[in-house]
Amino acid sequence: MSTAAAPIRHGVVLADLLPATRARDIALVAGGAVLTGIAAQIAVPVPGSPVPVSGQTFAALLVGTALGARRGFLSLALYAVAGAAGMPWFAQATSGYAMPSFGYILGMMLAATVVGALARRGADRSVLRMAGTMALGSLIIYAVGVPYLALATGMSLPQAVAAGLTPFLIGDALKAALAMGVLPTAWKALGRKG
């Protein structure tokens, strides 16, 4: 009899390893929203930018990757709707939809969906694939957030890039490095327990 762990098959995300119930899915969606809200409170203002450096983008991409596309989207949608309705869990305990950084939150919903779909195809199983997944997720967030920032503030697109993208690239690289270590390691550990 072999003692090797059974390989974890593609087509599943980390959340799928929990027993499948409706209560599990509800708890995961709500938990992902809460995690994103908590991570958003880790925020540092950026001089000259209405957008702070925060942990919410990392949490949003982690939630999408761990929960999969559907639950990741629902989790970030819950986060966005509750925050727009007044829950003070956007960066720096803010809420509402009339803020210049709301476009990033909309981008996070789309990014969580995309990275969740990629994770279901195994993108979270290796460091290299996880790097590409995180880069794509970040790109999606900026593709929605930066133009929204420009429209909301009256900045030109180059000004919005300078205020809402450039100052965040080093932090995003660090967040991606963290995810590149955490998620493939989690899969490896779970595969050994098989």
C-alpha atoms as a PDB file:
ATOM      1  CA  MET A   1       0.000   0.000   0.000  1.00  0.00           C
ATOM      2  CA  SER A   2       1.429   3.378  -0.996  1.00  0.00           C
ATOM      3  CA  THR A   3       1.821   6.160   1.567  1.00  0.00           C
ATOM      4  CA  ALA A   4       1.954   8.872  -1.094  1.00  0.00           C
ATOM      5  CA  ALA A   5      -0.813  11.430  -0.918  1.00  0.00           C
ATOM      6  CA  ALA A   6      -3.471  11.396  -3.586  1.00  0.00           C
ATOM      7  CA  PRO A   7      -2.964  14.364  -5.887  1.00  0.00           C
ATOM      8  CA  ILE A   8      -5.496  17.135  -5.589  1.00  0.00           C
ATOM      9  CA  ARG A   9      -7.192  17.399  -8.945  1.00  0.00           C
ATOM     10  CA  HIS A  10      -7.629  20.497 -11.089  1.00  0.00           C
ATOM     11  CA  GLY A  11     -11.115  21.928 -11.219  1.00  0.00           C
ATOM     12  CA  VAL A  12     -11.162  22.643  -7.492  1.00  0.00           C
ATOM     13  CA  VAL A  13     -10.107  25.635  -5.424  1.00  0.00           C
ATOM     14  CA  LEU A  14      -9.024  25.603  -1.795  1.00  0.00           C
ATOM     15  CA  ALA A  15     -12.565  26.274  -0.550  1.00  0.00           C
ATOM     16  CA  ASP A  16     -13.830  23.163  -2.365  1.00  0.00           C
ATOM     17  CA  LEU A  17     -11.828  21.013   0.035  1.00  0.00           C
ATOM     18  CA  LEU A  18     -14.340  21.834   2.789  1.00  0.00           C
ATOM     19  CA  PRO A  19     -17.517  19.709   2.962  1.00  0.00           C
ATOM     20  CA  ALA A  20     -19.969  21.067   0.385  1.00  0.00           C
ATOM     21  CA  THR A  21     -23.054  22.685   1.884  1.00  0.00           C
ATOM     22  CA  ARG A  22     -25.032  25.824   1.294  1.00  0.00           C
ATOM     23  CA  ALA A  23     -24.021  27.010   4.778  1.00  0.00           C
ATOM     24  CA  ARG A  24     -20.362  26.571   3.802  1.00  0.00           C
ATOM     25  CA  ASP A  25     -20.805  28.739   0.727  1.00  0.00           C
ATOM     26  CA  ILE A  26     -22.658  31.454   2.654  1.00  0.00           C
ATOM     27  CA  ALA A  27     -19.984  31.453   5.359  1.00  0.00           C
ATOM     28  CA  LEU A  28     -17.189  31.609   2.772  1.00  0.00           C
ATOM     29  CA  VAL A  29     -18.796  34.498   0.889  1.00  0.00           C
ATOM     30  CA  ALA A  30     -19.438  36.457   4.087  1.00  0.00           C
ATOM     31  CA  GLY A  31     -16.003  35.572   5.452  1.00  0.00           C
ATOM     32  CA  GLY A  32     -14.316  36.772   2.270  1.00  0.00           C
ATOM     33  CA  ALA A  33     -16.138  40.097   2.507  1.00  0.00           C
ATOM     34  CA  VAL A  34     -15.166  40.477   6.166  1.00  0.00           C
ATOM     35  CA  LEU A  35     -11.531  39.539   5.442  1.00  0.00           C
ATOM     36  CA  THR A  36     -11.405  42.187   2.718  1.00  0.00           C
ATOM     37  CA  GLY A  37     -12.944  44.764   5.064  1.00  0.00           C
ATOM     38  CA  ILE A  38     -10.415  43.973   7.784  1.00  0.00           C
ATOM     39  CA  ALA A  39      -7.493  44.046   5.341  1.00  0.00           C
ATOM     40  CA  ALA A  40      -8.700  47.413   4.033  1.00  0.00           C
ATOM     41  CA  GLN A  41      -8.015  48.894   7.471  1.00  0.00           C
ATOM     42  CA  ILE A  42      -4.320  48.245   6.949  1.00  0.00           C
ATOM     43  CA  ALA A  43      -3.973  51.488   5.038  1.00  0.00           C
ATOM     44  CA  VAL A  44      -1.317  54.131   4.536  1.00  0.00           C
ATOM     45  CA  PRO A  45      -2.171  57.462   2.877  1.00  0.00           C
ATOM     46  CA  VAL A  46      -0.190  58.293  -0.252  1.00  0.00           C
ATOM     47  CA  PRO A  47       0.802  61.971  -0.529  1.00  0.00           C
ATOM     48  CA  GLY A  48      -0.864  63.540  -3.559  1.00  0.00           C
ATOM     49  CA  SER A  49      -3.299  60.665  -4.076  1.00  0.00           C
ATOM     50  CA  PRO A  50      -6.875  60.164  -2.887  1.00  0.00           C
ATOM     51  CA  VAL A  51      -6.152  56.405  -2.891  1.00  0.00           C
ATOM     52  CA  PRO A  52      -4.269  54.880   0.074  1.00  0.00           C
ATOM     53  CA  VAL A  53      -2.047  51.817  -0.004  1.00  0.00           C
ATOM     54  CA  SER A  54      -4.124  49.148   1.716  1.00  0.00           C
ATOM     55  CA  GLY A  55      -4.457  45.438   2.191  1.00  0.00           C
ATOM     56  CA  GLN A  56      -7.831  45.234   0.460  1.00  0.00           C
ATOM     57  CA  THR A  57      -6.481  44.478  -3.016  1.00  0.00           C
ATOM     58  CA  PHE A  58      -4.387  41.617  -1.645  1.00  0.00           C
ATOM     59  CA  ALA A  59      -7.397  40.277   0.267  1.00  0.00           C
ATOM     60  CA  ALA A  60      -9.655  40.576  -2.776  1.00  0.00           C
ATOM     61  CA  LEU A  61      -7.254  38.591  -4.953  1.00  0.00           C
ATOM     62  CA  LEU A  62      -6.691  36.029  -2.198  1.00  0.00           C
ATOM     63  CA  VAL A  63     -10.452  35.647  -1.698  1.00  0.00           C
ATOM     64  CA  GLY A  64     -11.032  35.157  -5.429  1.00  0.00           C
ATOM     65  CA  THR A  65      -8.255  32.618  -5.708  1.00  0.00           C
ATOM     66  CA  ALA A  66      -9.243  30.629  -2.623  1.00  0.00           C
ATOM     67  CA  LEU A  67     -13.015  30.708  -3.188  1.00  0.00           C
ATOM     68  CA  GLY A  68     -13.243  30.452  -6.967  1.00  0.00           C
ATOM     69  CA  ALA A  69     -14.928  32.727  -9.478  1.00  0.00           C
ATOM     70  CA  ARG A  70     -18.554  32.593  -8.337  1.00  0.00           C
ATOM     71  CA  ARG A  71     -18.003  32.775  -4.588  1.00  0.00           C
ATOM     72  CA  GLY A  72     -15.147  35.258  -5.052  1.00  0.00           C
ATOM     73  CA  PHE A  73     -17.381  37.568  -7.073  1.00  0.00           C
ATOM     74  CA  LEU A  74     -20.239  37.253  -4.564  1.00  0.00           C
ATOM     75  CA  SER A  75     -17.892  37.943  -1.679  1.00  0.00           C
ATOM     76  CA  LEU A  76     -16.499  41.121  -3.261  1.00  0.00           C
ATOM     77  CA  ALA A  77     -19.996  42.161  -4.370  1.00  0.00           C
ATOM     78  CA  LEU A  78     -21.175  41.818  -0.759  1.00  0.00           C
ATOM     79  CA  TYR A  79     -18.175  43.870   0.354  1.00  0.00           C
ATOM     80  CA  ALA A  80     -18.954  46.576  -2.235  1.00  0.00           C
ATOM     81  CA  VAL A  81     -22.712  46.719  -1.588  1.00  0.00           C
ATOM     82  CA  ALA A  82     -22.371  46.767   2.209  1.00  0.00           C
ATOM     83  CA  GLY A  83     -19.678  49.459   2.002  1.00  0.00           C
ATOM     84  CA  ALA A  84     -21.697  51.542  -0.452  1.00  0.00           C
ATOM     85  CA  ALA A  85     -24.685  51.254   1.909  1.00  0.00           C
ATOM     86  CA  GLY A  86     -22.671  52.669   4.819  1.00  0.00           C
ATOM     87  CA  MET A  87     -20.625  49.856   6.395  1.00  0.00           C
ATOM     88  CA  PRO A  88     -17.335  51.624   7.234  1.00  0.00           C
ATOM     89  CA  TRP A  89     -15.022  48.904   5.976  1.00  0.00           C
ATOM     90  CA  PHE A  90     -13.460  50.440   2.903  1.00  0.00           C
ATOM     91  CA  ALA A  91      -9.878  51.682   3.312  1.00  0.00           C
ATOM     92  CA  GLN A  92      -9.436  53.925   6.343  1.00  0.00           C
ATOM     93  CA  ALA A  93     -12.914  53.046   7.694  1.00  0.00           C
ATOM     94  CA  THR A  94     -14.711  54.865   4.881  1.00  0.00           C
ATOM     95  CA  SER A  95     -17.944  53.904   3.163  1.00  0.00           C
ATOM     96  CA  GLY A  96     -20.168  55.068   0.337  1.00  0.00           C
ATOM     97  CA  TYR A  97     -19.938  54.983  -3.426  1.00  0.00           C
ATOM     98  CA  ALA A  98     -19.218  58.669  -4.082  1.00  0.00           C
ATOM     99  CA  MET A  99     -15.497  58.409  -3.441  1.00  0.00           C
ATOM    100  CA  PRO A 100     -12.769  58.570  -6.076  1.00  0.00           C
ATOM    101  CA  SER A 101     -11.417  55.127  -5.153  1.00  0.00           C
ATOM    102  CA  PHE A 102     -14.723  53.254  -5.593  1.00  0.00           C
ATOM    103  CA  GLY A 103     -13.638  52.171  -9.075  1.00  0.00           C
ATOM    104  CA  TYR A 104     -10.909  50.039  -7.526  1.00  0.00           C
ATOM    105  CA  ILE A 105     -13.564  48.211  -5.507  1.00  0.00           C
ATOM    106  CA  LEU A 106     -15.532  47.560  -8.695  1.00  0.00           C
ATOM    107  CA  GLY A 107     -12.322  46.323 -10.303  1.00  0.00           C
ATOM    108  CA  MET A 108     -11.775  43.971  -7.366  1.00  0.00           C
ATOM    109  CA  MET A 109     -15.097  42.254  -8.082  1.00  0.00           C
ATOM    110  CA  LEU A 110     -14.022  41.566 -11.653  1.00  0.00           C
ATOM    111  CA  ALA A 111     -10.482  40.602 -10.625  1.00  0.00           C
ATOM    112  CA  ALA A 112     -11.730  38.149  -7.971  1.00  0.00           C
ATOM    113  CA  THR A 113     -13.855  36.490 -10.641  1.00  0.00           C
ATOM    114  CA  VAL A 114     -10.977  36.161 -13.099  1.00  0.00           C
ATOM    115  CA  VAL A 115      -8.378  34.932 -10.595  1.00  0.00           C
ATOM    116  CA  GLY A 116     -10.951  32.518  -9.190  1.00  0.00           C
ATOM    117  CA  ALA A 117     -11.541  31.054 -12.646  1.00  0.00           C
ATOM    118  CA  LEU A 118      -7.788  30.751 -13.180  1.00  0.00           C
ATOM    119  CA  ALA A 119      -7.336  29.095  -9.775  1.00  0.00           C
ATOM    120  CA  ARG A 120      -9.921  26.500 -10.747  1.00  0.00           C
ATOM    121  CA  ARG A 121      -7.590  25.706 -13.668  1.00  0.00           C
ATOM    122  CA  GLY A 122      -4.621  25.275 -11.323  1.00  0.00           C
ATOM    123  CA  ALA A 123      -3.111  28.764 -11.468  1.00  0.00           C
ATOM    124  CA  ASP A 124      -2.652  28.814  -7.693  1.00  0.00           C
ATOM    125  CA  ARG A 125      -0.622  25.585  -7.565  1.00  0.00           C
ATOM    126  CA  SER A 126       2.811  26.918  -8.535  1.00  0.00           C
ATOM    127  CA  VAL A 127       4.812  30.043  -7.787  1.00  0.00           C
ATOM    128  CA  LEU A 128       5.185  31.038 -11.437  1.00  0.00           C
ATOM    129  CA  ARG A 129       1.499  30.610 -12.321  1.00  0.00           C
ATOM    130  CA  MET A 130       0.488  32.410  -9.128  1.00  0.00           C
ATOM    131  CA  ALA A 131       2.732  35.344 -10.091  1.00  0.00           C
ATOM    132  CA  GLY A 132       0.946  35.645 -13.423  1.00  0.00           C
ATOM    133  CA  THR A 133      -2.462  35.316 -11.770  1.00  0.00           C
ATOM    134  CA  MET A 134      -1.729  38.063  -9.246  1.00  0.00           C
ATOM    135  CA  ALA A 135      -0.313  40.337 -11.954  1.00  0.00           C
ATOM    136  CA  LEU A 136      -3.421  39.861 -14.098  1.00  0.00           C
ATOM    137  CA  GLY A 137      -5.711  40.476 -11.117  1.00  0.00           C
ATOM    138  CA  SER A 138      -3.863  43.686 -10.254  1.00  0.00           C
ATOM    139  CA  LEU A 139      -4.013  44.815 -13.878  1.00  0.00           C
ATOM    140  CA  ILE A 140      -7.792  44.326 -13.910  1.00  0.00           C
ATOM    141  CA  ILE A 141      -8.190  46.353 -10.711  1.00  0.00           C
ATOM    142  CA  TYR A 142      -6.170  49.213 -12.200  1.00  0.00           C
ATOM    143  CA  ALA A 143      -7.948  48.976 -15.566  1.00  0.00           C
ATOM    144  CA  VAL A 144     -11.212  49.828 -13.791  1.00  0.00           C
ATOM    145  CA  GLY A 145      -9.912  51.926 -10.887  1.00  0.00           C
ATOM    146  CA  VAL A 146      -7.640  54.373 -12.696  1.00  0.00           C
ATOM    147  CA  PRO A 147     -10.171  55.566 -15.314  1.00  0.00           C
ATOM    148  CA  TYR A 148     -12.816  55.808 -12.576  1.00  0.00           C
ATOM    149  CA  LEU A 149     -10.390  57.910 -10.518  1.00  0.00           C
ATOM    150  CA  ALA A 150      -9.846  60.202 -13.502  1.00  0.00           C
ATOM    151  CA  LEU A 151     -13.589  60.636 -14.056  1.00  0.00           C
ATOM    152  CA  ALA A 152     -14.383  61.112 -10.362  1.00  0.00           C
ATOM    153  CA  THR A 153     -11.701  63.740  -9.772  1.00  0.00           C
ATOM    154  CA  GLY A 154     -11.451  65.468 -13.141  1.00  0.00           C
ATOM    155  CA  MET A 155      -7.826  64.360 -13.500  1.00  0.00           C
ATOM    156  CA  SER A 156      -6.414  63.609 -16.904  1.00  0.00           C
ATOM    157  CA  LEU A 157      -5.621  59.937 -17.511  1.00  0.00           C
ATOM    158  CA  PRO A 158      -1.838  60.535 -17.101  1.00  0.00           C
ATOM    159  CA  GLN A 159      -2.522  62.329 -13.808  1.00  0.00           C
ATOM    160  CA  ALA A 160      -4.719  59.458 -12.638  1.00  0.00           C
ATOM    161  CA  VAL A 161      -1.992  56.962 -13.555  1.00  0.00           C
ATOM    162  CA  ALA A 162       0.537  59.015 -11.579  1.00  0.00           C
ATOM    163  CA  ALA A 163      -1.780  59.269  -8.553  1.00  0.00           C
ATOM    164  CA  GLY A 164      -3.603  55.945  -8.707  1.00  0.00           C
ATOM    165  CA  LEU A 165      -1.201  53.397 -10.197  1.00  0.00           C
ATOM    166  CA  THR A 166       2.480  54.314 -10.102  1.00  0.00           C
ATOM    167  CA  PRO A 167       2.795  54.732  -6.291  1.00  0.00           C
ATOM    168  CA  PHE A 168       1.296  51.274  -5.751  1.00  0.00           C
ATOM    169  CA  LEU A 169       3.459  49.099  -7.989  1.00  0.00           C
ATOM    170  CA  ILE A 170       6.104  48.213  -5.389  1.00  0.00           C
ATOM    171  CA  GLY A 171       3.443  47.314  -2.813  1.00  0.00           C
ATOM    172  CA  ASP A 172       1.623  45.187  -5.366  1.00  0.00           C
ATOM    173  CA  ALA A 173       4.842  43.336  -6.148  1.00  0.00           C
ATOM    174  CA  LEU A 174       5.270  42.590  -2.429  1.00  0.00           C
ATOM    175  CA  LYS A 175       1.654  41.420  -2.124  1.00  0.00           C
ATOM    176  CA  ALA A 176       2.104  39.178  -5.161  1.00  0.00           C
ATOM    177  CA  ALA A 177       5.266  37.703  -3.647  1.00  0.00           C
ATOM    178  CA  LEU A 178       3.358  36.896  -0.469  1.00  0.00           C
ATOM    179  CA  ALA A 179       0.551  35.190  -2.413  1.00  0.00           C
ATOM    180  CA  MET A 180       3.108  33.333  -4.530  1.00  0.00           C
ATOM    181  CA  GLY A 181       4.429  31.774  -1.354  1.00  0.00           C
ATOM    182  CA  VAL A 182       1.195  31.213   0.571  1.00  0.00           C
ATOM    183  CA  LEU A 183      -1.151  29.587  -1.931  1.00  0.00           C
ATOM    184  CA  PRO A 184       1.166  27.062  -3.616  1.00  0.00           C
ATOM    185  CA  THR A 185       2.481  26.139  -0.147  1.00  0.00           C
ATOM    186  CA  ALA A 186      -1.079  25.563   1.093  1.00  0.00           C
ATOM    187  CA  TRP A 187      -1.766  23.238  -1.837  1.00  0.00           C
ATOM    188  CA  LYS A 188       1.484  21.401  -1.261  1.00  0.00           C
ATOM    189  CA  ALA A 189       0.700  20.921   2.438  1.00  0.00           C
ATOM    190  CA  LEU A 190      -2.844  19.756   1.692  1.00  0.00           C
ATOM    191  CA  GLY A 191      -1.605  17.400  -1.013  1.00  0.00           C
ATOM    192  CA  ARG A 192       0.737  15.733   1.472  1.00  0.00           C
ATOM    193  CA  LYS A 193      -2.135  15.229   3.917  1.00  0.00           C
ATOM    194  CA  GLY A 194      -4.194  13.897   1.022  1.00  0.00           C
END
